[in-house]
Amino acid sequence: MEGTASNRKFARLRGADRVWAVASIHGEARRLARLHDAIGSRFRERDRLVYLGNYLGHGEDVAATIDELLDFRRRILAAPGGFACNVVFLRGAQEEMWQKLLQLQFAANPGEVLNWMVRAGIEATVRAYGGELRQGFAATRDGPRTITRWTSGLRTAMNAAAGHTTLFAALRHAAFTDDNALLFVHAGVNTRRPLGSQGDAFWWGAHDVLALTGKFEGFGRVVRGFDRDRRGLVEHEFGVSLDAGSGRGGALMAACFDAAGAVVDRCEA
């Protein structure tokens, strides 16, 4: 995984004493700001921070959520010993959908695709960037040229929001500590594929990390940040699930892991 393409997909967390992991946020900017205050007061010089995806969707403050992520990243980098590699953003299912939405004109059945995305929570993101679903559905009936005009408007609004496009372009598929104690993913892994060939399994895979009966690819524990059942912090020997349902009626969670992969701190907002 040392090639250029893999380096763009994966983040290696080097020299970490501890790693903070933040669960799915889903547009809950106020909860995120409170969580950041809690993490900020406990953050140490050799700590690292990984966001596990799903910044967009469901909640009503999607744009403010991205602004808060960018602001806290600046706070971490401004602290003693702060480096850009200390903060990692993973791509979640909502971010994957958003990128697909911006290319909706190329879909074979754009109306069906948009319907599926709406059921999965994309409407809040569309509104955040000035779009209306009514116009989107009308465009899918009119054809690719009209869809392109609609998606181009969304892209223009995203580009106009300072830092948003840059953050989306920097999203990684997974992150891991340099000693392989911890692997951080969005939703899951397919144990029948190597890490570099997971593809959509990171976002849509049906394999539950809590069902792991041994190390995956040599990693001590796999930590995921989206749980369809919103069970909060659940620890098994080889897998950890971290998602209490932010944006879906629950709290926003973060957990701190030591160098051996044990949970040593947690906070909620």
C-alpha atoms as a PDB file:
ATOM      1  CA  MET A   1       0.000   0.000   0.000  1.00  0.00           C
ATOM      2  CA  GLU A   2       2.920   2.306  -0.534  1.00  0.00           C
ATOM      3  CA  GLY A   3       2.047   3.330  -4.102  1.00  0.00           C
ATOM      4  CA  THR A   4       0.809   6.770  -5.049  1.00  0.00           C
ATOM      5  CA  ALA A   5      -2.799   5.665  -5.600  1.00  0.00           C
ATOM      6  CA  SER A   6      -2.920   3.881  -2.238  1.00  0.00           C
ATOM      7  CA  ASN A   7      -1.420   6.900  -0.498  1.00  0.00           C
ATOM      8  CA  ARG A   8      -4.338   8.950  -1.759  1.00  0.00           C
ATOM      9  CA  LYS A   9      -6.834   6.388  -0.462  1.00  0.00           C
ATOM     10  CA  PHE A  10      -5.337   5.639   2.931  1.00  0.00           C
ATOM     11  CA  ALA A  11      -3.910   7.708   5.752  1.00  0.00           C
ATOM     12  CA  ARG A  12      -1.119   6.390   7.953  1.00  0.00           C
ATOM     13  CA  LEU A  13      -1.218   7.762  11.505  1.00  0.00           C
ATOM     14  CA  ARG A  14       2.439   7.981  12.442  1.00  0.00           C
ATOM     15  CA  GLY A  15       3.813   8.303  15.972  1.00  0.00           C
ATOM     16  CA  ALA A  16       0.418   8.457  17.682  1.00  0.00           C
ATOM     17  CA  ASP A  17       0.191   7.969  21.431  1.00  0.00           C
ATOM     18  CA  ARG A  18      -3.602   8.161  21.180  1.00  0.00           C
ATOM     19  CA  VAL A  19      -6.192   8.480  18.402  1.00  0.00           C
ATOM     20  CA  TRP A  20      -9.526  10.252  18.750  1.00  0.00           C
ATOM     21  CA  ALA A  21     -12.260   8.912  16.441  1.00  0.00           C
ATOM     22  CA  VAL A  22     -15.470  10.828  15.729  1.00  0.00           C
ATOM     23  CA  ALA A  23     -18.613   8.958  14.666  1.00  0.00           C
ATOM     24  CA  SER A  24     -21.085   9.941  11.937  1.00  0.00           C
ATOM     25  CA  ILE A  25     -22.143  13.581  12.355  1.00  0.00           C
ATOM     26  CA  HIS A  26     -24.959  13.945   9.801  1.00  0.00           C
ATOM     27  CA  GLY A  27     -25.204  17.715   9.743  1.00  0.00           C
ATOM     28  CA  GLU A  28     -25.422  18.244  13.518  1.00  0.00           C
ATOM     29  CA  ALA A  29     -23.182  21.321  13.703  1.00  0.00           C
ATOM     30  CA  ARG A  30     -24.128  22.331  17.259  1.00  0.00           C
ATOM     31  CA  ARG A  31     -23.442  18.862  18.619  1.00  0.00           C
ATOM     32  CA  LEU A  32     -20.143  18.847  16.741  1.00  0.00           C
ATOM     33  CA  ALA A  33     -19.088  22.184  18.233  1.00  0.00           C
ATOM     34  CA  ARG A  34     -19.777  20.870  21.759  1.00  0.00           C
ATOM     35  CA  LEU A  35     -17.922  17.656  21.001  1.00  0.00           C
ATOM     36  CA  HIS A  36     -14.967  19.652  19.681  1.00  0.00           C
ATOM     37  CA  ASP A  37     -14.844  21.650  22.904  1.00  0.00           C
ATOM     38  CA  ALA A  38     -14.694  18.402  24.882  1.00  0.00           C
ATOM     39  CA  ILE A  39     -11.994  16.888  22.666  1.00  0.00           C
ATOM     40  CA  GLY A  40     -10.037  20.129  22.555  1.00  0.00           C
ATOM     41  CA  SER A  41      -9.768  20.280  26.327  1.00  0.00           C
ATOM     42  CA  ARG A  42      -8.309  16.747  26.432  1.00  0.00           C
ATOM     43  CA  PHE A  43      -6.200  16.733  23.263  1.00  0.00           C
ATOM     44  CA  ARG A  44      -2.492  16.044  23.785  1.00  0.00           C
ATOM     45  CA  GLU A  45       0.511  16.825  21.626  1.00  0.00           C
ATOM     46  CA  ARG A  46       0.934  13.274  20.274  1.00  0.00           C
ATOM     47  CA  ASP A  47      -2.793  12.681  19.788  1.00  0.00           C
ATOM     48  CA  ARG A  48      -4.305  12.181  16.359  1.00  0.00           C
ATOM     49  CA  LEU A  49      -7.879  12.810  15.176  1.00  0.00           C
ATOM     50  CA  VAL A  50      -9.882  10.762  12.669  1.00  0.00           C
ATOM     51  CA  TYR A  51     -13.377  11.647  11.479  1.00  0.00           C
ATOM     52  CA  LEU A  52     -15.157   8.500  10.335  1.00  0.00           C
ATOM     53  CA  GLY A  53     -17.353  10.013   7.614  1.00  0.00           C
ATOM     54  CA  ASN A  54     -20.993  11.064   7.158  1.00  0.00           C
ATOM     55  CA  TYR A  55     -20.559  14.777   7.762  1.00  0.00           C
ATOM     56  CA  LEU A  56     -23.426  15.439   5.349  1.00  0.00           C
ATOM     57  CA  GLY A  57     -27.064  14.405   5.189  1.00  0.00           C
ATOM     58  CA  HIS A  58     -30.038  14.144   7.536  1.00  0.00           C
ATOM     59  CA  GLY A  59     -29.347  17.103   9.881  1.00  0.00           C
ATOM     60  CA  GLU A  60     -30.294  20.703   9.160  1.00  0.00           C
ATOM     61  CA  ASP A  61     -26.850  22.341   9.484  1.00  0.00           C
ATOM     62  CA  VAL A  62     -24.784  20.590   6.814  1.00  0.00           C
ATOM     63  CA  ALA A  63     -22.831  23.646   5.621  1.00  0.00           C
ATOM     64  CA  ALA A  64     -22.185  24.780   9.201  1.00  0.00           C
ATOM     65  CA  THR A  65     -20.923  21.275   9.997  1.00  0.00           C
ATOM     66  CA  ILE A  66     -18.256  21.494   7.289  1.00  0.00           C
ATOM     67  CA  ASP A  67     -17.292  24.968   8.529  1.00  0.00           C
ATOM     68  CA  GLU A  68     -16.928  23.612  12.072  1.00  0.00           C
ATOM     69  CA  LEU A  69     -14.762  20.718  10.861  1.00  0.00           C
ATOM     70  CA  LEU A  70     -12.463  23.130   9.050  1.00  0.00           C
ATOM     71  CA  ASP A  71     -12.296  25.458  12.040  1.00  0.00           C
ATOM     72  CA  PHE A  72     -11.365  22.710  14.512  1.00  0.00           C
ATOM     73  CA  ARG A  73      -8.734  21.380  12.124  1.00  0.00           C
ATOM     74  CA  ARG A  74      -7.150  24.837  12.156  1.00  0.00           C
ATOM     75  CA  ARG A  75      -7.250  24.817  15.961  1.00  0.00           C
ATOM     76  CA  ILE A  76      -5.446  21.452  16.089  1.00  0.00           C
ATOM     77  CA  LEU A  77      -2.823  22.537  13.574  1.00  0.00           C
ATOM     78  CA  ALA A  78      -2.191  25.762  15.489  1.00  0.00           C
ATOM     79  CA  ALA A  79      -1.421  23.895  18.716  1.00  0.00           C
ATOM     80  CA  PRO A  80       2.170  22.941  19.632  1.00  0.00           C
ATOM     81  CA  GLY A  81       3.276  19.977  17.528  1.00  0.00           C
ATOM     82  CA  GLY A  82       0.375  20.396  15.122  1.00  0.00           C
ATOM     83  CA  PHE A  83       0.804  18.978  11.611  1.00  0.00           C
ATOM     84  CA  ALA A  84      -1.608  18.482   8.722  1.00  0.00           C
ATOM     85  CA  CYS A  85      -1.282  14.694   8.986  1.00  0.00           C
ATOM     86  CA  ASN A  86      -2.586  14.792  12.583  1.00  0.00           C
ATOM     87  CA  VAL A  87      -6.193  15.209  11.346  1.00  0.00           C
ATOM     88  CA  VAL A  88      -7.781  12.777   8.877  1.00  0.00           C
ATOM     89  CA  PHE A  89     -11.207  12.875   7.254  1.00  0.00           C
ATOM     90  CA  LEU A  90     -12.653   9.618   5.927  1.00  0.00           C
ATOM     91  CA  ARG A  91     -15.189   9.417   3.134  1.00  0.00           C
ATOM     92  CA  GLY A  92     -18.577   8.243   4.385  1.00  0.00           C
ATOM     93  CA  ALA A  93     -21.619   6.979   2.539  1.00  0.00           C
ATOM     94  CA  GLN A  94     -23.139  10.476   2.515  1.00  0.00           C
ATOM     95  CA  GLU A  95     -20.020  11.988   0.921  1.00  0.00           C
ATOM     96  CA  GLU A  96     -19.914   9.164  -1.630  1.00  0.00           C
ATOM     97  CA  MET A  97     -23.556   9.860  -2.495  1.00  0.00           C
ATOM     98  CA  TRP A  98     -22.888  13.576  -2.799  1.00  0.00           C
ATOM     99  CA  GLN A  99     -20.103  12.980  -5.327  1.00  0.00           C
ATOM    100  CA  LYS A 100     -22.383  10.639  -7.275  1.00  0.00           C
ATOM    101  CA  LEU A 101     -25.177  13.211  -7.166  1.00  0.00           C
ATOM    102  CA  LEU A 102     -22.907  15.798  -8.765  1.00  0.00           C
ATOM    103  CA  GLN A 103     -22.534  13.344 -11.668  1.00  0.00           C
ATOM    104  CA  LEU A 104     -26.211  12.393 -11.827  1.00  0.00           C
ATOM    105  CA  GLN A 105     -26.408  13.252 -15.541  1.00  0.00           C
ATOM    106  CA  PHE A 106     -24.309  10.137 -16.273  1.00  0.00           C
ATOM    107  CA  ALA A 107     -26.617   7.721 -14.416  1.00  0.00           C
ATOM    108  CA  ALA A 108     -28.572   5.211 -16.508  1.00  0.00           C
ATOM    109  CA  ASN A 109     -31.726   5.784 -14.427  1.00  0.00           C
ATOM    110  CA  PRO A 110     -31.236   9.216 -12.808  1.00  0.00           C
ATOM    111  CA  GLY A 111     -34.753   9.444 -11.377  1.00  0.00           C
ATOM    112  CA  GLU A 112     -34.400   6.127  -9.581  1.00  0.00           C
ATOM    113  CA  VAL A 113     -30.936   7.031  -8.340  1.00  0.00           C
ATOM    114  CA  LEU A 114     -32.148  10.357  -6.966  1.00  0.00           C
ATOM    115  CA  ASN A 115     -35.086   8.652  -5.261  1.00  0.00           C
ATOM    116  CA  TRP A 116     -32.712   6.221  -3.553  1.00  0.00           C
ATOM    117  CA  MET A 117     -30.449   9.060  -2.423  1.00  0.00           C
ATOM    118  CA  VAL A 118     -33.383  10.954  -0.935  1.00  0.00           C
ATOM    119  CA  ARG A 119     -34.402   7.891   1.059  1.00  0.00           C
ATOM    120  CA  ALA A 120     -30.807   7.698   2.307  1.00  0.00           C
ATOM    121  CA  GLY A 121     -30.834  11.306   3.575  1.00  0.00           C
ATOM    122  CA  ILE A 122     -29.304  13.431   0.787  1.00  0.00           C
ATOM    123  CA  GLU A 123     -32.036  16.108   0.846  1.00  0.00           C
ATOM    124  CA  ALA A 124     -30.403  18.107   3.665  1.00  0.00           C
ATOM    125  CA  THR A 125     -27.173  18.334   1.663  1.00  0.00           C
ATOM    126  CA  VAL A 126     -28.968  19.454  -1.483  1.00  0.00           C
ATOM    127  CA  ARG A 127     -30.674  22.240   0.481  1.00  0.00           C
ATOM    128  CA  ALA A 128     -27.380  23.225   2.117  1.00  0.00           C
ATOM    129  CA  TYR A 129     -25.936  24.037  -1.292  1.00  0.00           C
ATOM    130  CA  GLY A 130     -28.970  25.930  -2.529  1.00  0.00           C
ATOM    131  CA  GLY A 131     -30.706  23.160  -4.433  1.00  0.00           C
ATOM    132  CA  GLU A 132     -34.322  22.045  -4.543  1.00  0.00           C
ATOM    133  CA  LEU A 133     -35.238  18.413  -4.996  1.00  0.00           C
ATOM    134  CA  ARG A 134     -38.344  19.386  -6.933  1.00  0.00           C
ATOM    135  CA  GLN A 135     -36.114  20.895  -9.586  1.00  0.00           C
ATOM    136  CA  GLY A 136     -33.811  17.886  -9.457  1.00  0.00           C
ATOM    137  CA  PHE A 137     -36.608  15.431 -10.133  1.00  0.00           C
ATOM    138  CA  ALA A 138     -37.936  17.641 -12.914  1.00  0.00           C
ATOM    139  CA  ALA A 139     -34.464  17.647 -14.449  1.00  0.00           C
ATOM    140  CA  THR A 140     -34.296  13.839 -14.384  1.00  0.00           C
ATOM    141  CA  ARG A 141     -37.447  13.750 -16.494  1.00  0.00           C
ATOM    142  CA  ASP A 142     -36.095  16.336 -18.921  1.00  0.00           C
ATOM    143  CA  GLY A 143     -32.776  14.706 -19.722  1.00  0.00           C
ATOM    144  CA  PRO A 144     -28.997  14.913 -19.214  1.00  0.00           C
ATOM    145  CA  ARG A 145     -28.585  18.519 -20.321  1.00  0.00           C
ATOM    146  CA  THR A 146     -31.073  19.809 -17.746  1.00  0.00           C
ATOM    147  CA  ILE A 147     -29.628  17.544 -15.060  1.00  0.00           C
ATOM    148  CA  THR A 148     -26.180  18.984 -15.809  1.00  0.00           C
ATOM    149  CA  ARG A 149     -27.449  22.527 -15.283  1.00  0.00           C
ATOM    150  CA  TRP A 150     -28.964  21.498 -11.942  1.00  0.00           C
ATOM    151  CA  THR A 151     -25.871  19.656 -10.678  1.00  0.00           C
ATOM    152  CA  SER A 152     -23.618  22.469 -11.936  1.00  0.00           C
ATOM    153  CA  GLY A 153     -25.550  24.879  -9.702  1.00  0.00           C
ATOM    154  CA  LEU A 154     -24.916  22.622  -6.702  1.00  0.00           C
ATOM    155  CA  ARG A 155     -21.225  22.347  -7.552  1.00  0.00           C
ATOM    156  CA  THR A 156     -20.922  26.123  -7.948  1.00  0.00           C
ATOM    157  CA  ALA A 157     -22.461  26.671  -4.510  1.00  0.00           C
ATOM    158  CA  MET A 158     -20.118  24.111  -2.980  1.00  0.00           C
ATOM    159  CA  ASN A 159     -17.100  25.742  -4.613  1.00  0.00           C
ATOM    160  CA  ALA A 160     -18.199  29.125  -3.282  1.00  0.00           C
ATOM    161  CA  ALA A 161     -18.152  27.855   0.324  1.00  0.00           C
ATOM    162  CA  ALA A 162     -14.594  28.437   1.564  1.00  0.00           C
ATOM    163  CA  GLY A 163     -12.719  25.187   2.093  1.00  0.00           C
ATOM    164  CA  HIS A 164     -15.596  22.818   1.344  1.00  0.00           C
ATOM    165  CA  THR A 165     -14.347  21.534  -2.017  1.00  0.00           C
ATOM    166  CA  THR A 166     -10.828  21.186  -0.630  1.00  0.00           C
ATOM    167  CA  LEU A 167     -12.065  19.065   2.272  1.00  0.00           C
ATOM    168  CA  PHE A 168     -14.115  16.790   0.004  1.00  0.00           C
ATOM    169  CA  ALA A 169     -11.100  16.324  -2.263  1.00  0.00           C
ATOM    170  CA  ALA A 170      -8.954  15.240   0.707  1.00  0.00           C
ATOM    171  CA  LEU A 171     -11.240  12.458   1.985  1.00  0.00           C
ATOM    172  CA  ARG A 172      -9.540   9.102   2.559  1.00  0.00           C
ATOM    173  CA  HIS A 173     -11.040   5.622   2.348  1.00  0.00           C
ATOM    174  CA  ALA A 174      -9.481   4.384   5.593  1.00  0.00           C
ATOM    175  CA  ALA A 175      -6.786   5.247   8.136  1.00  0.00           C
ATOM    176  CA  PHE A 176      -4.479   3.092  10.217  1.00  0.00           C
ATOM    177  CA  THR A 177      -1.786   3.464  12.846  1.00  0.00           C
ATOM    178  CA  ASP A 178       1.755   2.782  11.707  1.00  0.00           C
ATOM    179  CA  ASP A 179       2.024  -0.275  13.984  1.00  0.00           C
ATOM    180  CA  ASN A 180      -1.252  -1.760  12.617  1.00  0.00           C
ATOM    181  CA  ALA A 181      -2.895  -1.669  16.047  1.00  0.00           C
ATOM    182  CA  LEU A 182      -5.933   0.148  14.668  1.00  0.00           C
ATOM    183  CA  LEU A 183      -7.742   0.394  11.339  1.00  0.00           C
ATOM    184  CA  PHE A 184     -10.392   3.113  11.021  1.00  0.00           C
ATOM    185  CA  VAL A 185     -13.174   2.738   8.440  1.00  0.00           C
ATOM    186  CA  HIS A 186     -16.533   4.307   7.778  1.00  0.00           C
ATOM    187  CA  ALA A 187     -19.003   1.409   7.913  1.00  0.00           C
ATOM    188  CA  GLY A 188     -17.272  -1.917   7.412  1.00  0.00           C
ATOM    189  CA  VAL A 189     -14.825  -4.157   5.598  1.00  0.00           C
ATOM    190  CA  ASN A 190     -15.213  -7.202   3.400  1.00  0.00           C
ATOM    191  CA  THR A 191     -13.047  -9.866   4.997  1.00  0.00           C
ATOM    192  CA  ARG A 192     -12.806 -11.720   1.680  1.00  0.00           C
ATOM    193  CA  ARG A 193     -10.953  -8.798   0.055  1.00  0.00           C
ATOM    194  CA  PRO A 194      -7.599  -7.192   0.906  1.00  0.00           C
ATOM    195  CA  LEU A 195      -7.621  -3.633   2.207  1.00  0.00           C
ATOM    196  CA  GLY A 196      -6.610  -2.143  -1.126  1.00  0.00           C
ATOM    197  CA  SER A 197      -9.530  -3.826  -2.946  1.00  0.00           C
ATOM    198  CA  GLN A 198     -12.432  -2.989  -0.616  1.00  0.00           C
ATOM    199  CA  GLY A 199     -14.136  -0.609  -3.034  1.00  0.00           C
ATOM    200  CA  ASP A 200     -17.708   0.157  -1.955  1.00  0.00           C
ATOM    201  CA  ALA A 201     -17.451  -2.231   1.005  1.00  0.00           C
ATOM    202  CA  PHE A 202     -16.159   0.669   3.104  1.00  0.00           C
ATOM    203  CA  TRP A 203     -19.542   2.411   2.654  1.00  0.00           C
ATOM    204  CA  TRP A 204     -22.151  -0.186   1.732  1.00  0.00           C
ATOM    205  CA  GLY A 205     -20.714  -3.522   2.859  1.00  0.00           C
ATOM    206  CA  ALA A 206     -22.932  -5.836   4.849  1.00  0.00           C
ATOM    207  CA  HIS A 207     -20.054  -7.281   6.892  1.00  0.00           C
ATOM    208  CA  ASP A 208     -20.279  -6.161  10.526  1.00  0.00           C
ATOM    209  CA  VAL A 209     -16.889  -5.429  12.121  1.00  0.00           C
ATOM    210  CA  LEU A 210     -18.363  -6.609  15.417  1.00  0.00           C
ATOM    211  CA  ALA A 211     -18.587 -10.092  13.897  1.00  0.00           C
ATOM    212  CA  LEU A 212     -14.833 -10.303  13.257  1.00  0.00           C
ATOM    213  CA  THR A 213     -13.383 -13.448  14.832  1.00  0.00           C
ATOM    214  CA  GLY A 214      -9.753 -12.602  14.124  1.00  0.00           C
ATOM    215  CA  LYS A 215      -7.495  -9.851  12.882  1.00  0.00           C
ATOM    216  CA  PHE A 216      -8.366  -8.372   9.507  1.00  0.00           C
ATOM    217  CA  GLU A 217      -5.231  -7.855   7.385  1.00  0.00           C
ATOM    218  CA  GLY A 218      -3.145  -7.978  10.555  1.00  0.00           C
ATOM    219  CA  PHE A 219      -4.846  -5.012  12.241  1.00  0.00           C
ATOM    220  CA  GLY A 220      -5.465  -5.446  15.958  1.00  0.00           C
ATOM    221  CA  ARG A 221      -8.901  -3.785  15.896  1.00  0.00           C
ATOM    222  CA  VAL A 222     -11.163  -2.316  13.231  1.00  0.00           C
ATOM    223  CA  VAL A 223     -13.077   0.809  14.295  1.00  0.00           C
ATOM    224  CA  ARG A 224     -16.133   1.913  12.325  1.00  0.00           C
ATOM    225  CA  GLY A 225     -18.130   5.134  12.606  1.00  0.00           C
ATOM    226  CA  PHE A 226     -21.527   4.278  11.135  1.00  0.00           C
ATOM    227  CA  ASP A 227     -23.922   1.779  12.659  1.00  0.00           C
ATOM    228  CA  ARG A 228     -27.365   1.347  11.111  1.00  0.00           C
ATOM    229  CA  ASP A 229     -28.637   0.236  14.524  1.00  0.00           C
ATOM    230  CA  ARG A 230     -27.198   3.295  16.367  1.00  0.00           C
ATOM    231  CA  ARG A 231     -25.948   1.239  19.301  1.00  0.00           C
ATOM    232  CA  GLY A 232     -23.361   3.741  20.538  1.00  0.00           C
ATOM    233  CA  LEU A 233     -19.939   2.505  21.621  1.00  0.00           C
ATOM    234  CA  VAL A 234     -19.761  -1.280  21.298  1.00  0.00           C
ATOM    235  CA  GLU A 235     -16.462  -3.078  21.818  1.00  0.00           C
ATOM    236  CA  HIS A 236     -15.580  -6.586  20.721  1.00  0.00           C
ATOM    237  CA  GLU A 237     -12.094  -8.042  20.676  1.00  0.00           C
ATOM    238  CA  PHE A 238     -11.360  -7.316  17.017  1.00  0.00           C
ATOM    239  CA  GLY A 239     -14.007  -4.729  16.171  1.00  0.00           C
ATOM    240  CA  VAL A 240     -15.360  -1.505  17.655  1.00  0.00           C
ATOM    241  CA  SER A 241     -18.536   0.296  16.580  1.00  0.00           C
ATOM    242  CA  LEU A 242     -18.985   3.980  17.342  1.00  0.00           C
ATOM    243  CA  ASP A 243     -22.316   5.578  16.419  1.00  0.00           C
ATOM    244  CA  ALA A 244     -25.170   6.658  18.697  1.00  0.00           C
ATOM    245  CA  GLY A 245     -27.290   8.091  15.865  1.00  0.00           C
ATOM    246  CA  SER A 246     -26.343  11.746  15.445  1.00  0.00           C
ATOM    247  CA  GLY A 247     -28.692  13.320  12.913  1.00  0.00           C
ATOM    248  CA  ARG A 248     -31.101  10.433  13.406  1.00  0.00           C
ATOM    249  CA  GLY A 249     -32.356  11.221  16.897  1.00  0.00           C
ATOM    250  CA  GLY A 250     -29.261  10.260  18.891  1.00  0.00           C
ATOM    251  CA  ALA A 251     -26.080  11.727  20.312  1.00  0.00           C
ATOM    252  CA  LEU A 252     -22.782  12.447  18.589  1.00  0.00           C
ATOM    253  CA  MET A 253     -19.929  10.343  19.941  1.00  0.00           C
ATOM    254  CA  ALA A 254     -16.154  10.265  19.997  1.00  0.00           C
ATOM    255  CA  ALA A 255     -13.796   7.752  21.541  1.00  0.00           C
ATOM    256  CA  CYS A 256     -10.076   7.907  22.264  1.00  0.00           C
ATOM    257  CA  PHE A 257      -7.875   4.841  21.679  1.00  0.00           C
ATOM    258  CA  ASP A 258      -4.447   4.287  23.173  1.00  0.00           C
ATOM    259  CA  ALA A 259      -1.478   2.865  21.261  1.00  0.00           C
ATOM    260  CA  ALA A 260      -2.574  -0.686  22.088  1.00  0.00           C
ATOM    261  CA  GLY A 261      -6.074  -0.114  20.700  1.00  0.00           C
ATOM    262  CA  ALA A 262      -7.947   0.134  24.009  1.00  0.00           C
ATOM    263  CA  VAL A 263     -10.622   2.784  24.578  1.00  0.00           C
ATOM    264  CA  VAL A 264      -9.255   5.172  27.209  1.00  0.00           C
ATOM    265  CA  ASP A 265     -11.693   8.086  26.922  1.00  0.00           C
ATOM    266  CA  ARG A 266     -15.039   8.951  25.356  1.00  0.00           C
ATOM    267  CA  CYS A 267     -17.376  11.902  25.066  1.00  0.00           C
ATOM    268  CA  GLU A 268     -20.849  12.689  23.728  1.00  0.00           C
ATOM    269  CA  ALA A 269     -22.787  15.766  22.685  1.00  0.00           C
END
